[in-house]
Amino acid sequence: MKKQLLIVLSAMFLIVLSACGQSSTGEEETNNTDQKEKETIVLGETSWTSTKLPNQIMKKILEEAGYNVNIKQVSQPLIFKGMQKQEIDVFMDAWLPYTEAELWSKYKEDVQKVTASYKEVPLGWVVPSYVEESSIAELKGKAEKFEERVVTIAAGAGIVDISKDVIKDYSLDGYDLVTSGEATMIATLEDSIEDKEPVIITGWRPHSMFAKNDLKFLEDPKGNFKKDNVYVLSYKGLEKDHPEAFKVLSDWSIKVSELEEMMLAYEQNDVSFEESAEKWIEEHRDQVDKMLNTEN
């Protein structure tokens, strides 16, 4: 009788042990399935609208792929430093090979180009079209006319460093390069336009200022400003650490005109970047599905 009881108890123990093993396996499978959802991609963000919009679009696409996405807003040099230290994974708005050549040269051993968002975009000194001067060379000796200033964005950006060289190369004595936030620069531009006053700012496309105002780039005979491609950058090794995210980023592209329309909608109609991002994804579902590798 005791022998039979021992056999029954042993059988029950094996059944319980088997059930526990199945539970453990199931939990392990669940953990593997949820692992990607726990992965976080950090996007670096400057204060520029040209960075904020692509970041919002990419954030939603990566979230659809199952990632957590954080956006870290710091100055452009700190974004490159952050990618070097792998504290920031991706920067969506790098102007190369010219504008950010110094930063690229400093960090190129640790940072890589993933893809080009758009190509051959202009940047330089911008004035309202009613300003009679059409070339930077024509500004010499006219500092008082332009309130002795060229208004630009925050220090550390490539366009700021190039502008310092422009002032030297063209011997523009009397002009100060006034650094500020992008919003302050644009407010200065619009105040001047309202009063039909001459003003010089630094500008680039894509930007809503070109959709909203009648502007022109000043010619640059000495060739300080050159057309760049705008790249998505990541730290080297992202393709191994987050292969699906890298694939999504590799298939990314957008039109300059699309960005400018969304920027203008934000400024004139208070359409948030998040709302515009959702609309862009809806209108480009085929492209997004290809990025996510879910196309039919």
C-alpha atoms as a PDB file:
ATOM      1  CA  MET A   1       0.000   0.000   0.000  1.00  0.00           C
ATOM      2  CA  LYS A   2       2.831   2.370   0.924  1.00  0.00           C
ATOM      3  CA  LYS A   3       4.571   1.491  -2.322  1.00  0.00           C
ATOM      4  CA  GLN A   4       1.455   2.391  -4.333  1.00  0.00           C
ATOM      5  CA  LEU A   5       1.071   5.684  -2.440  1.00  0.00           C
ATOM      6  CA  LEU A   6       4.700   6.532  -3.143  1.00  0.00           C
ATOM      7  CA  ILE A   7       4.167   5.891  -6.860  1.00  0.00           C
ATOM      8  CA  VAL A   8       1.075   8.139  -6.917  1.00  0.00           C
ATOM      9  CA  LEU A   9       2.856  10.948  -5.081  1.00  0.00           C
ATOM     10  CA  SER A  10       5.851  10.702  -7.413  1.00  0.00           C
ATOM     11  CA  ALA A  11       3.577  10.923 -10.443  1.00  0.00           C
ATOM     12  CA  MET A  12       1.816  13.980  -9.005  1.00  0.00           C
ATOM     13  CA  PHE A  13       5.187  15.618  -8.323  1.00  0.00           C
ATOM     14  CA  LEU A  14       6.287  15.077 -11.927  1.00  0.00           C
ATOM     15  CA  ILE A  15       3.027  16.585 -13.222  1.00  0.00           C
ATOM     16  CA  VAL A  16       3.459  19.689 -11.041  1.00  0.00           C
ATOM     17  CA  LEU A  17       7.112  19.985 -12.061  1.00  0.00           C
ATOM     18  CA  SER A  18       6.156  19.716 -15.720  1.00  0.00           C
ATOM     19  CA  ALA A  19       3.500  22.389 -15.321  1.00  0.00           C
ATOM     20  CA  CYS A  20       5.982  24.707 -13.636  1.00  0.00           C
ATOM     21  CA  GLY A  21       8.419  24.144 -16.461  1.00  0.00           C
ATOM     22  CA  GLN A  22       5.776  25.040 -19.013  1.00  0.00           C
ATOM     23  CA  SER A  23       4.894  28.178 -17.048  1.00  0.00           C
ATOM     24  CA  SER A  24       8.540  29.189 -16.882  1.00  0.00           C
ATOM     25  CA  THR A  25       8.993  28.618 -20.610  1.00  0.00           C
ATOM     26  CA  GLY A  26       5.893  30.619 -21.385  1.00  0.00           C
ATOM     27  CA  GLU A  27       7.104  33.467 -19.204  1.00  0.00           C
ATOM     28  CA  GLU A  28      10.489  33.377 -20.955  1.00  0.00           C
ATOM     29  CA  GLU A  29       8.800  33.561 -24.352  1.00  0.00           C
ATOM     30  CA  THR A  30       6.704  36.497 -23.172  1.00  0.00           C
ATOM     31  CA  ASN A  31       9.808  38.264 -21.917  1.00  0.00           C
ATOM     32  CA  ASN A  32      11.526  37.745 -25.275  1.00  0.00           C
ATOM     33  CA  THR A  33       8.477  39.104 -27.092  1.00  0.00           C
ATOM     34  CA  ASP A  34       8.345  42.157 -24.861  1.00  0.00           C
ATOM     35  CA  GLN A  35      12.085  42.795 -24.932  1.00  0.00           C
ATOM     36  CA  LYS A  36      12.026  45.124 -27.956  1.00  0.00           C
ATOM     37  CA  GLU A  37       9.183  47.074 -26.401  1.00  0.00           C
ATOM     38  CA  LYS A  38      11.496  47.854 -23.496  1.00  0.00           C
ATOM     39  CA  GLU A  39      14.286  49.104 -25.772  1.00  0.00           C
ATOM     40  CA  THR A  40      14.603  52.873 -25.864  1.00  0.00           C
ATOM     41  CA  ILE A  41      15.837  55.023 -28.734  1.00  0.00           C
ATOM     42  CA  VAL A  42      16.991  58.524 -27.816  1.00  0.00           C
ATOM     43  CA  LEU A  43      16.663  61.200 -30.505  1.00  0.00           C
ATOM     44  CA  GLY A  44      18.807  64.313 -30.168  1.00  0.00           C
ATOM     45  CA  GLU A  45      16.951  67.552 -30.789  1.00  0.00           C
ATOM     46  CA  THR A  46      18.081  71.130 -31.319  1.00  0.00           C
ATOM     47  CA  SER A  47      15.691  74.053 -30.989  1.00  0.00           C
ATOM     48  CA  TRP A  48      15.349  74.225 -34.785  1.00  0.00           C
ATOM     49  CA  THR A  49      11.978  73.426 -36.338  1.00  0.00           C
ATOM     50  CA  SER A  50      13.819  71.509 -39.060  1.00  0.00           C
ATOM     51  CA  THR A  51      14.816  69.016 -36.356  1.00  0.00           C
ATOM     52  CA  LYS A  52      11.602  68.936 -34.341  1.00  0.00           C
ATOM     53  CA  LEU A  53       9.293  67.837 -37.156  1.00  0.00           C
ATOM     54  CA  PRO A  54      11.367  64.882 -38.402  1.00  0.00           C
ATOM     55  CA  ASN A  55      11.837  63.845 -34.778  1.00  0.00           C
ATOM     56  CA  GLN A  56       8.083  63.716 -34.185  1.00  0.00           C
ATOM     57  CA  ILE A  57       7.514  61.683 -37.350  1.00  0.00           C
ATOM     58  CA  MET A  58      10.328  59.260 -36.542  1.00  0.00           C
ATOM     59  CA  LYS A  59       9.215  58.975 -32.913  1.00  0.00           C
ATOM     60  CA  LYS A  60       5.778  57.753 -33.983  1.00  0.00           C
ATOM     61  CA  ILE A  61       7.191  55.327 -36.558  1.00  0.00           C
ATOM     62  CA  LEU A  62       9.645  53.808 -34.075  1.00  0.00           C
ATOM     63  CA  GLU A  63       6.897  53.546 -31.470  1.00  0.00           C
ATOM     64  CA  GLU A  64       4.810  51.682 -34.039  1.00  0.00           C
ATOM     65  CA  ALA A  65       7.776  49.319 -34.402  1.00  0.00           C
ATOM     66  CA  GLY A  66       7.609  48.660 -30.657  1.00  0.00           C
ATOM     67  CA  TYR A  67      10.307  50.950 -29.267  1.00  0.00           C
ATOM     68  CA  ASN A  68      10.167  53.477 -26.475  1.00  0.00           C
ATOM     69  CA  VAL A  69      11.398  56.809 -27.842  1.00  0.00           C
ATOM     70  CA  ASN A  70      12.807  59.696 -25.817  1.00  0.00           C
ATOM     71  CA  ILE A  71      13.696  63.094 -27.226  1.00  0.00           C
ATOM     72  CA  LYS A  72      16.608  64.929 -25.630  1.00  0.00           C
ATOM     73  CA  GLN A  73      16.902  68.622 -26.447  1.00  0.00           C
ATOM     74  CA  VAL A  74      20.424  69.995 -26.157  1.00  0.00           C
ATOM     75  CA  SER A  75      22.748  72.109 -28.298  1.00  0.00           C
ATOM     76  CA  GLN A  76      24.098  70.652 -31.504  1.00  0.00           C
ATOM     77  CA  PRO A  77      27.672  70.082 -30.233  1.00  0.00           C
ATOM     78  CA  LEU A  78      26.286  68.206 -27.220  1.00  0.00           C
ATOM     79  CA  ILE A  79      24.228  65.987 -29.546  1.00  0.00           C
ATOM     80  CA  PHE A  80      27.404  64.859 -31.315  1.00  0.00           C
ATOM     81  CA  LYS A  81      29.088  64.339 -27.945  1.00  0.00           C
ATOM     82  CA  GLY A  82      26.044  62.396 -26.778  1.00  0.00           C
ATOM     83  CA  MET A  83      26.212  60.080 -29.790  1.00  0.00           C
ATOM     84  CA  GLN A  84      29.906  59.503 -29.167  1.00  0.00           C
ATOM     85  CA  LYS A  85      29.068  58.414 -25.597  1.00  0.00           C
ATOM     86  CA  GLN A  86      25.993  56.480 -26.831  1.00  0.00           C
ATOM     87  CA  GLU A  87      23.755  58.550 -24.576  1.00  0.00           C
ATOM     88  CA  ILE A  88      21.995  59.804 -27.728  1.00  0.00           C
ATOM     89  CA  ASP A  89      21.273  57.268 -30.442  1.00  0.00           C
ATOM     90  CA  VAL A  90      20.185  59.366 -33.430  1.00  0.00           C
ATOM     91  CA  PHE A  91      20.314  62.906 -34.822  1.00  0.00           C
ATOM     92  CA  MET A  92      17.904  63.593 -37.701  1.00  0.00           C
ATOM     93  CA  ASP A  93      19.282  66.945 -38.927  1.00  0.00           C
ATOM     94  CA  ALA A  94      23.018  66.931 -39.705  1.00  0.00           C
ATOM     95  CA  TRP A  95      24.163  69.275 -42.499  1.00  0.00           C
ATOM     96  CA  LEU A  96      27.088  67.749 -44.360  1.00  0.00           C
ATOM     97  CA  PRO A  97      29.641  67.799 -45.848  1.00  0.00           C
ATOM     98  CA  TYR A  98      30.086  71.554 -45.370  1.00  0.00           C
ATOM     99  CA  THR A  99      28.108  73.279 -42.632  1.00  0.00           C
ATOM    100  CA  GLU A 100      28.926  70.856 -39.836  1.00  0.00           C
ATOM    101  CA  ALA A 101      32.321  69.805 -41.180  1.00  0.00           C
ATOM    102  CA  GLU A 102      34.084  70.731 -37.934  1.00  0.00           C
ATOM    103  CA  LEU A 103      31.790  68.609 -35.779  1.00  0.00           C
ATOM    104  CA  TRP A 104      31.939  65.740 -38.260  1.00  0.00           C
ATOM    105  CA  SER A 105      35.740  65.837 -38.311  1.00  0.00           C
ATOM    106  CA  LYS A 106      35.812  65.711 -34.517  1.00  0.00           C
ATOM    107  CA  TYR A 107      33.372  62.821 -34.077  1.00  0.00           C
ATOM    108  CA  LYS A 108      33.494  60.831 -37.326  1.00  0.00           C
ATOM    109  CA  GLU A 109      35.336  57.926 -35.685  1.00  0.00           C
ATOM    110  CA  ASP A 110      32.318  57.306 -33.462  1.00  0.00           C
ATOM    111  CA  VAL A 111      29.396  58.605 -35.554  1.00  0.00           C
ATOM    112  CA  GLN A 112      28.018  57.375 -38.882  1.00  0.00           C
ATOM    113  CA  LYS A 113      25.708  58.550 -41.661  1.00  0.00           C
ATOM    114  CA  VAL A 114      22.598  56.375 -41.785  1.00  0.00           C
ATOM    115  CA  THR A 115      20.773  57.984 -44.708  1.00  0.00           C
ATOM    116  CA  ALA A 116      20.058  61.356 -46.335  1.00  0.00           C
ATOM    117  CA  SER A 117      16.716  62.924 -45.404  1.00  0.00           C
ATOM    118  CA  TYR A 118      16.920  65.309 -48.358  1.00  0.00           C
ATOM    119  CA  LYS A 119      19.656  66.682 -50.592  1.00  0.00           C
ATOM    120  CA  GLU A 120      21.121  69.872 -52.036  1.00  0.00           C
ATOM    121  CA  VAL A 121      19.553  72.352 -49.621  1.00  0.00           C
ATOM    122  CA  PRO A 122      20.678  75.998 -49.494  1.00  0.00           C
ATOM    123  CA  LEU A 123      21.715  78.073 -46.504  1.00  0.00           C
ATOM    124  CA  GLY A 124      23.337  81.460 -46.045  1.00  0.00           C
ATOM    125  CA  TRP A 125      22.537  85.068 -45.295  1.00  0.00           C
ATOM    126  CA  VAL A 126      18.932  85.994 -46.023  1.00  0.00           C
ATOM    127  CA  VAL A 127      17.227  89.352 -46.532  1.00  0.00           C
ATOM    128  CA  PRO A 128      13.711  90.457 -47.507  1.00  0.00           C
ATOM    129  CA  SER A 129      13.342  90.780 -51.267  1.00  0.00           C
ATOM    130  CA  TYR A 130      12.846  94.552 -51.001  1.00  0.00           C
ATOM    131  CA  VAL A 131      16.479  94.944 -49.843  1.00  0.00           C
ATOM    132  CA  GLU A 132      18.373  96.294 -52.840  1.00  0.00           C
ATOM    133  CA  GLU A 133      21.622  94.455 -52.106  1.00  0.00           C
ATOM    134  CA  SER A 134      21.826  91.032 -53.748  1.00  0.00           C
ATOM    135  CA  SER A 135      25.331  89.956 -52.700  1.00  0.00           C
ATOM    136  CA  ILE A 136      27.256  89.754 -49.438  1.00  0.00           C
ATOM    137  CA  ALA A 137      30.020  91.719 -51.155  1.00  0.00           C
ATOM    138  CA  GLU A 138      27.642  94.680 -51.468  1.00  0.00           C
ATOM    139  CA  LEU A 139      27.243  94.938 -47.705  1.00  0.00           C
ATOM    140  CA  LYS A 140      30.690  96.421 -47.115  1.00  0.00           C
ATOM    141  CA  GLY A 141      30.506  99.926 -45.674  1.00  0.00           C
ATOM    142  CA  LYS A 142      26.760  99.670 -45.024  1.00  0.00           C
ATOM    143  CA  ALA A 143      26.710  98.397 -41.442  1.00  0.00           C
ATOM    144  CA  GLU A 144      24.665 101.359 -40.209  1.00  0.00           C
ATOM    145  CA  LYS A 145      21.930 100.611 -42.746  1.00  0.00           C
ATOM    146  CA  PHE A 146      21.494  97.127 -41.253  1.00  0.00           C
ATOM    147  CA  GLU A 147      21.752  98.297 -37.626  1.00  0.00           C
ATOM    148  CA  GLU A 148      25.323  96.963 -37.542  1.00  0.00           C
ATOM    149  CA  ARG A 149      24.212  93.374 -37.117  1.00  0.00           C
ATOM    150  CA  VAL A 150      23.615  89.991 -38.682  1.00  0.00           C
ATOM    151  CA  VAL A 151      21.107  88.084 -36.581  1.00  0.00           C
ATOM    152  CA  THR A 152      21.682  84.343 -36.299  1.00  0.00           C
ATOM    153  CA  ILE A 153      20.805  81.326 -34.155  1.00  0.00           C
ATOM    154  CA  ALA A 154      22.483  79.897 -31.045  1.00  0.00           C
ATOM    155  CA  ALA A 155      26.268  79.717 -30.849  1.00  0.00           C
ATOM    156  CA  GLY A 156      27.774  76.354 -31.750  1.00  0.00           C
ATOM    157  CA  ALA A 157      25.739  75.764 -34.908  1.00  0.00           C
ATOM    158  CA  GLY A 158      27.670  75.381 -38.152  1.00  0.00           C
ATOM    159  CA  ILE A 159      25.939  78.321 -39.832  1.00  0.00           C
ATOM    160  CA  VAL A 160      27.130  80.567 -36.986  1.00  0.00           C
ATOM    161  CA  ASP A 161      30.754  79.539 -37.403  1.00  0.00           C
ATOM    162  CA  ILE A 162      30.587  80.028 -41.168  1.00  0.00           C
ATOM    163  CA  SER A 163      29.069  83.483 -40.654  1.00  0.00           C
ATOM    164  CA  LYS A 164      32.052  84.487 -38.531  1.00  0.00           C
ATOM    165  CA  ASP A 165      34.308  83.565 -41.453  1.00  0.00           C
ATOM    166  CA  VAL A 166      32.081  85.509 -43.856  1.00  0.00           C
ATOM    167  CA  ILE A 167      32.479  88.708 -41.839  1.00  0.00           C
ATOM    168  CA  LYS A 168      36.265  88.301 -41.966  1.00  0.00           C
ATOM    169  CA  ASP A 169      36.483  87.227 -45.603  1.00  0.00           C
ATOM    170  CA  TYR A 170      34.402  90.153 -46.856  1.00  0.00           C
ATOM    171  CA  SER A 171      35.977  92.660 -44.415  1.00  0.00           C
ATOM    172  CA  LEU A 172      32.567  93.591 -43.053  1.00  0.00           C
ATOM    173  CA  ASP A 173      33.827  95.958 -40.391  1.00  0.00           C
ATOM    174  CA  GLY A 174      31.125  97.302 -38.136  1.00  0.00           C
ATOM    175  CA  TYR A 175      28.876  94.241 -38.324  1.00  0.00           C
ATOM    176  CA  ASP A 176      28.246  92.175 -35.212  1.00  0.00           C
ATOM    177  CA  LEU A 177      27.052  88.592 -35.398  1.00  0.00           C
ATOM    178  CA  VAL A 178      24.176  88.516 -32.919  1.00  0.00           C
ATOM    179  CA  THR A 179      23.469  84.997 -31.644  1.00  0.00           C
ATOM    180  CA  SER A 180      19.988  84.165 -30.368  1.00  0.00           C
ATOM    181  CA  GLY A 181      17.389  81.455 -30.454  1.00  0.00           C
ATOM    182  CA  GLU A 182      15.698  80.669 -33.751  1.00  0.00           C
ATOM    183  CA  ALA A 183      12.421  82.161 -32.515  1.00  0.00           C
ATOM    184  CA  THR A 184      14.123  85.449 -31.634  1.00  0.00           C
ATOM    185  CA  MET A 185      15.816  85.590 -35.019  1.00  0.00           C
ATOM    186  CA  ILE A 186      12.534  85.050 -36.860  1.00  0.00           C
ATOM    187  CA  ALA A 187      10.760  87.624 -34.683  1.00  0.00           C
ATOM    188  CA  THR A 188      13.466  90.142 -35.628  1.00  0.00           C
ATOM    189  CA  LEU A 189      12.945  89.314 -39.304  1.00  0.00           C
ATOM    190  CA  GLU A 190       9.170  89.715 -39.136  1.00  0.00           C
ATOM    191  CA  ASP A 191       9.340  92.962 -37.157  1.00  0.00           C
ATOM    192  CA  SER A 192      11.687  94.376 -39.791  1.00  0.00           C
ATOM    193  CA  ILE A 193       9.425  93.253 -42.632  1.00  0.00           C
ATOM    194  CA  GLU A 194       6.414  94.835 -40.962  1.00  0.00           C
ATOM    195  CA  ASP A 195       8.268  98.156 -40.861  1.00  0.00           C
ATOM    196  CA  LYS A 196       9.891  97.613 -44.283  1.00  0.00           C
ATOM    197  CA  GLU A 197      13.312  97.933 -42.673  1.00  0.00           C
ATOM    198  CA  PRO A 198      16.490  96.250 -43.992  1.00  0.00           C
ATOM    199  CA  VAL A 199      17.650  93.260 -41.976  1.00  0.00           C
ATOM    200  CA  ILE A 200      20.085  90.358 -42.387  1.00  0.00           C
ATOM    201  CA  ILE A 201      19.551  86.955 -40.812  1.00  0.00           C
ATOM    202  CA  THR A 202      20.979  83.502 -41.356  1.00  0.00           C
ATOM    203  CA  GLY A 203      18.574  81.189 -43.139  1.00  0.00           C
ATOM    204  CA  TRP A 204      18.202  77.709 -44.502  1.00  0.00           C
ATOM    205  CA  ARG A 205      15.678  75.473 -46.136  1.00  0.00           C
ATOM    206  CA  PRO A 206      13.483  73.801 -45.094  1.00  0.00           C
ATOM    207  CA  HIS A 207      12.020  76.631 -43.059  1.00  0.00           C
ATOM    208  CA  SER A 208       8.569  78.183 -42.884  1.00  0.00           C
ATOM    209  CA  MET A 209      10.029  81.673 -43.338  1.00  0.00           C
ATOM    210  CA  PHE A 210      10.295  80.975 -47.068  1.00  0.00           C
ATOM    211  CA  ALA A 211       6.689  79.872 -47.327  1.00  0.00           C
ATOM    212  CA  LYS A 212       5.501  82.874 -45.325  1.00  0.00           C
ATOM    213  CA  ASN A 213       7.698  85.740 -46.584  1.00  0.00           C
ATOM    214  CA  ASP A 214       9.233  87.007 -49.807  1.00  0.00           C
ATOM    215  CA  LEU A 215      12.926  86.442 -49.094  1.00  0.00           C
ATOM    216  CA  LYS A 216      16.167  85.934 -50.950  1.00  0.00           C
ATOM    217  CA  PHE A 217      19.580  84.464 -50.214  1.00  0.00           C
ATOM    218  CA  LEU A 218      22.414  86.923 -50.679  1.00  0.00           C
ATOM    219  CA  GLU A 219      24.910  85.709 -53.242  1.00  0.00           C
ATOM    220  CA  ASP A 220      28.206  84.512 -51.787  1.00  0.00           C
ATOM    221  CA  PRO A 221      30.950  85.015 -54.413  1.00  0.00           C
ATOM    222  CA  LYS A 222      33.651  83.678 -52.102  1.00  0.00           C
ATOM    223  CA  GLY A 223      31.755  80.411 -51.654  1.00  0.00           C
ATOM    224  CA  ASN A 224      31.590  80.242 -47.879  1.00  0.00           C
ATOM    225  CA  PHE A 225      28.084  78.794 -47.927  1.00  0.00           C
ATOM    226  CA  LYS A 226      27.633  75.610 -49.939  1.00  0.00           C
ATOM    227  CA  LYS A 227      24.609  73.403 -50.488  1.00  0.00           C
ATOM    228  CA  ASP A 228      24.514  70.465 -48.143  1.00  0.00           C
ATOM    229  CA  ASN A 229      22.737  67.166 -47.807  1.00  0.00           C
ATOM    230  CA  VAL A 230      20.841  66.665 -44.558  1.00  0.00           C
ATOM    231  CA  TYR A 231      21.697  63.328 -42.964  1.00  0.00           C
ATOM    232  CA  VAL A 232      20.397  61.080 -40.249  1.00  0.00           C
ATOM    233  CA  LEU A 233      23.332  60.218 -37.997  1.00  0.00           C
ATOM    234  CA  SER A 234      23.764  57.568 -35.323  1.00  0.00           C
ATOM    235  CA  TYR A 235      26.569  56.243 -33.202  1.00  0.00           C
ATOM    236  CA  LYS A 236      28.561  53.452 -34.830  1.00  0.00           C
ATOM    237  CA  GLY A 237      27.089  50.155 -33.701  1.00  0.00           C
ATOM    238  CA  LEU A 238      23.423  51.132 -33.635  1.00  0.00           C
ATOM    239  CA  GLU A 239      22.838  48.588 -36.395  1.00  0.00           C
ATOM    240  CA  LYS A 240      23.958  45.832 -33.991  1.00  0.00           C
ATOM    241  CA  ASP A 241      22.307  47.155 -30.837  1.00  0.00           C
ATOM    242  CA  HIS A 242      18.969  48.052 -32.458  1.00  0.00           C
ATOM    243  CA  PRO A 243      18.854  46.417 -35.914  1.00  0.00           C
ATOM    244  CA  GLU A 244      15.153  47.007 -36.561  1.00  0.00           C
ATOM    245  CA  ALA A 245      15.404  50.676 -35.602  1.00  0.00           C
ATOM    246  CA  PHE A 246      18.445  51.027 -37.864  1.00  0.00           C
ATOM    247  CA  LYS A 247      16.463  49.517 -40.746  1.00  0.00           C
ATOM    248  CA  VAL A 248      13.611  51.973 -40.155  1.00  0.00           C
ATOM    249  CA  LEU A 249      16.020  54.915 -40.124  1.00  0.00           C
ATOM    250  CA  SER A 250      17.836  53.681 -43.244  1.00  0.00           C
ATOM    251  CA  ASP A 251      14.664  53.886 -45.346  1.00  0.00           C
ATOM    252  CA  TRP A 252      13.709  57.393 -44.182  1.00  0.00           C
ATOM    253  CA  SER A 253      13.341  60.392 -46.521  1.00  0.00           C
ATOM    254  CA  ILE A 254      11.100  63.455 -46.767  1.00  0.00           C
ATOM    255  CA  LYS A 255      10.592  66.392 -49.154  1.00  0.00           C
ATOM    256  CA  VAL A 256      11.704  69.896 -48.194  1.00  0.00           C
ATOM    257  CA  SER A 257       8.376  71.307 -49.377  1.00  0.00           C
ATOM    258  CA  GLU A 258       6.464  68.925 -47.088  1.00  0.00           C
ATOM    259  CA  LEU A 259       8.439  70.075 -44.062  1.00  0.00           C
ATOM    260  CA  GLU A 260       7.910  73.744 -44.901  1.00  0.00           C
ATOM    261  CA  GLU A 261       4.158  73.268 -45.279  1.00  0.00           C
ATOM    262  CA  MET A 262       3.963  71.583 -41.861  1.00  0.00           C
ATOM    263  CA  MET A 263       6.098  74.288 -40.280  1.00  0.00           C
ATOM    264  CA  LEU A 264       3.823  76.979 -41.660  1.00  0.00           C
ATOM    265  CA  ALA A 265       0.720  75.117 -40.441  1.00  0.00           C
ATOM    266  CA  TYR A 266       2.253  75.103 -36.974  1.00  0.00           C
ATOM    267  CA  GLU A 267       2.960  78.822 -37.002  1.00  0.00           C
ATOM    268  CA  GLN A 268      -0.189  80.099 -38.694  1.00  0.00           C
ATOM    269  CA  ASN A 269      -2.852  77.590 -37.642  1.00  0.00           C
ATOM    270  CA  ASP A 270      -1.372  76.223 -34.422  1.00  0.00           C
ATOM    271  CA  VAL A 271      -1.224  72.693 -35.866  1.00  0.00           C
ATOM    272  CA  SER A 272       1.075  70.781 -33.517  1.00  0.00           C
ATOM    273  CA  PHE A 273       4.085  68.886 -34.832  1.00  0.00           C
ATOM    274  CA  GLU A 274       2.563  65.737 -33.339  1.00  0.00           C
ATOM    275  CA  GLU A 275      -0.633  66.220 -35.353  1.00  0.00           C
ATOM    276  CA  SER A 276       1.313  66.960 -38.536  1.00  0.00           C
ATOM    277  CA  ALA A 277       3.440  63.854 -37.931  1.00  0.00           C
ATOM    278  CA  GLU A 278       0.347  61.672 -37.667  1.00  0.00           C
ATOM    279  CA  LYS A 279      -1.056  63.154 -40.875  1.00  0.00           C
ATOM    280  CA  TRP A 280       2.248  62.686 -42.741  1.00  0.00           C
ATOM    281  CA  ILE A 281       2.400  59.028 -41.698  1.00  0.00           C
ATOM    282  CA  GLU A 282      -1.204  58.504 -42.810  1.00  0.00           C
ATOM    283  CA  GLU A 283      -0.511  60.100 -46.204  1.00  0.00           C
ATOM    284  CA  HIS A 284       2.736  58.120 -46.663  1.00  0.00           C
ATOM    285  CA  ARG A 285       1.536  54.776 -45.378  1.00  0.00           C
ATOM    286  CA  ASP A 286       3.252  52.815 -48.151  1.00  0.00           C
ATOM    287  CA  GLN A 287       6.617  54.395 -47.348  1.00  0.00           C
ATOM    288  CA  VAL A 288       6.133  53.820 -43.624  1.00  0.00           C
ATOM    289  CA  ASP A 289       5.130  50.176 -44.156  1.00  0.00           C
ATOM    290  CA  LYS A 290       8.302  49.674 -46.163  1.00  0.00           C
ATOM    291  CA  MET A 291      10.330  51.210 -43.343  1.00  0.00           C
ATOM    292  CA  LEU A 292       8.621  48.866 -40.869  1.00  0.00           C
ATOM    293  CA  ASN A 293       8.918  45.910 -43.243  1.00  0.00           C
ATOM    294  CA  THR A 294       5.149  45.364 -42.996  1.00  0.00           C
ATOM    295  CA  GLU A 295       4.181  46.147 -46.582  1.00  0.00           C
ATOM    296  CA  ASN A 296       1.828  43.686 -48.295  1.00  0.00           C
END
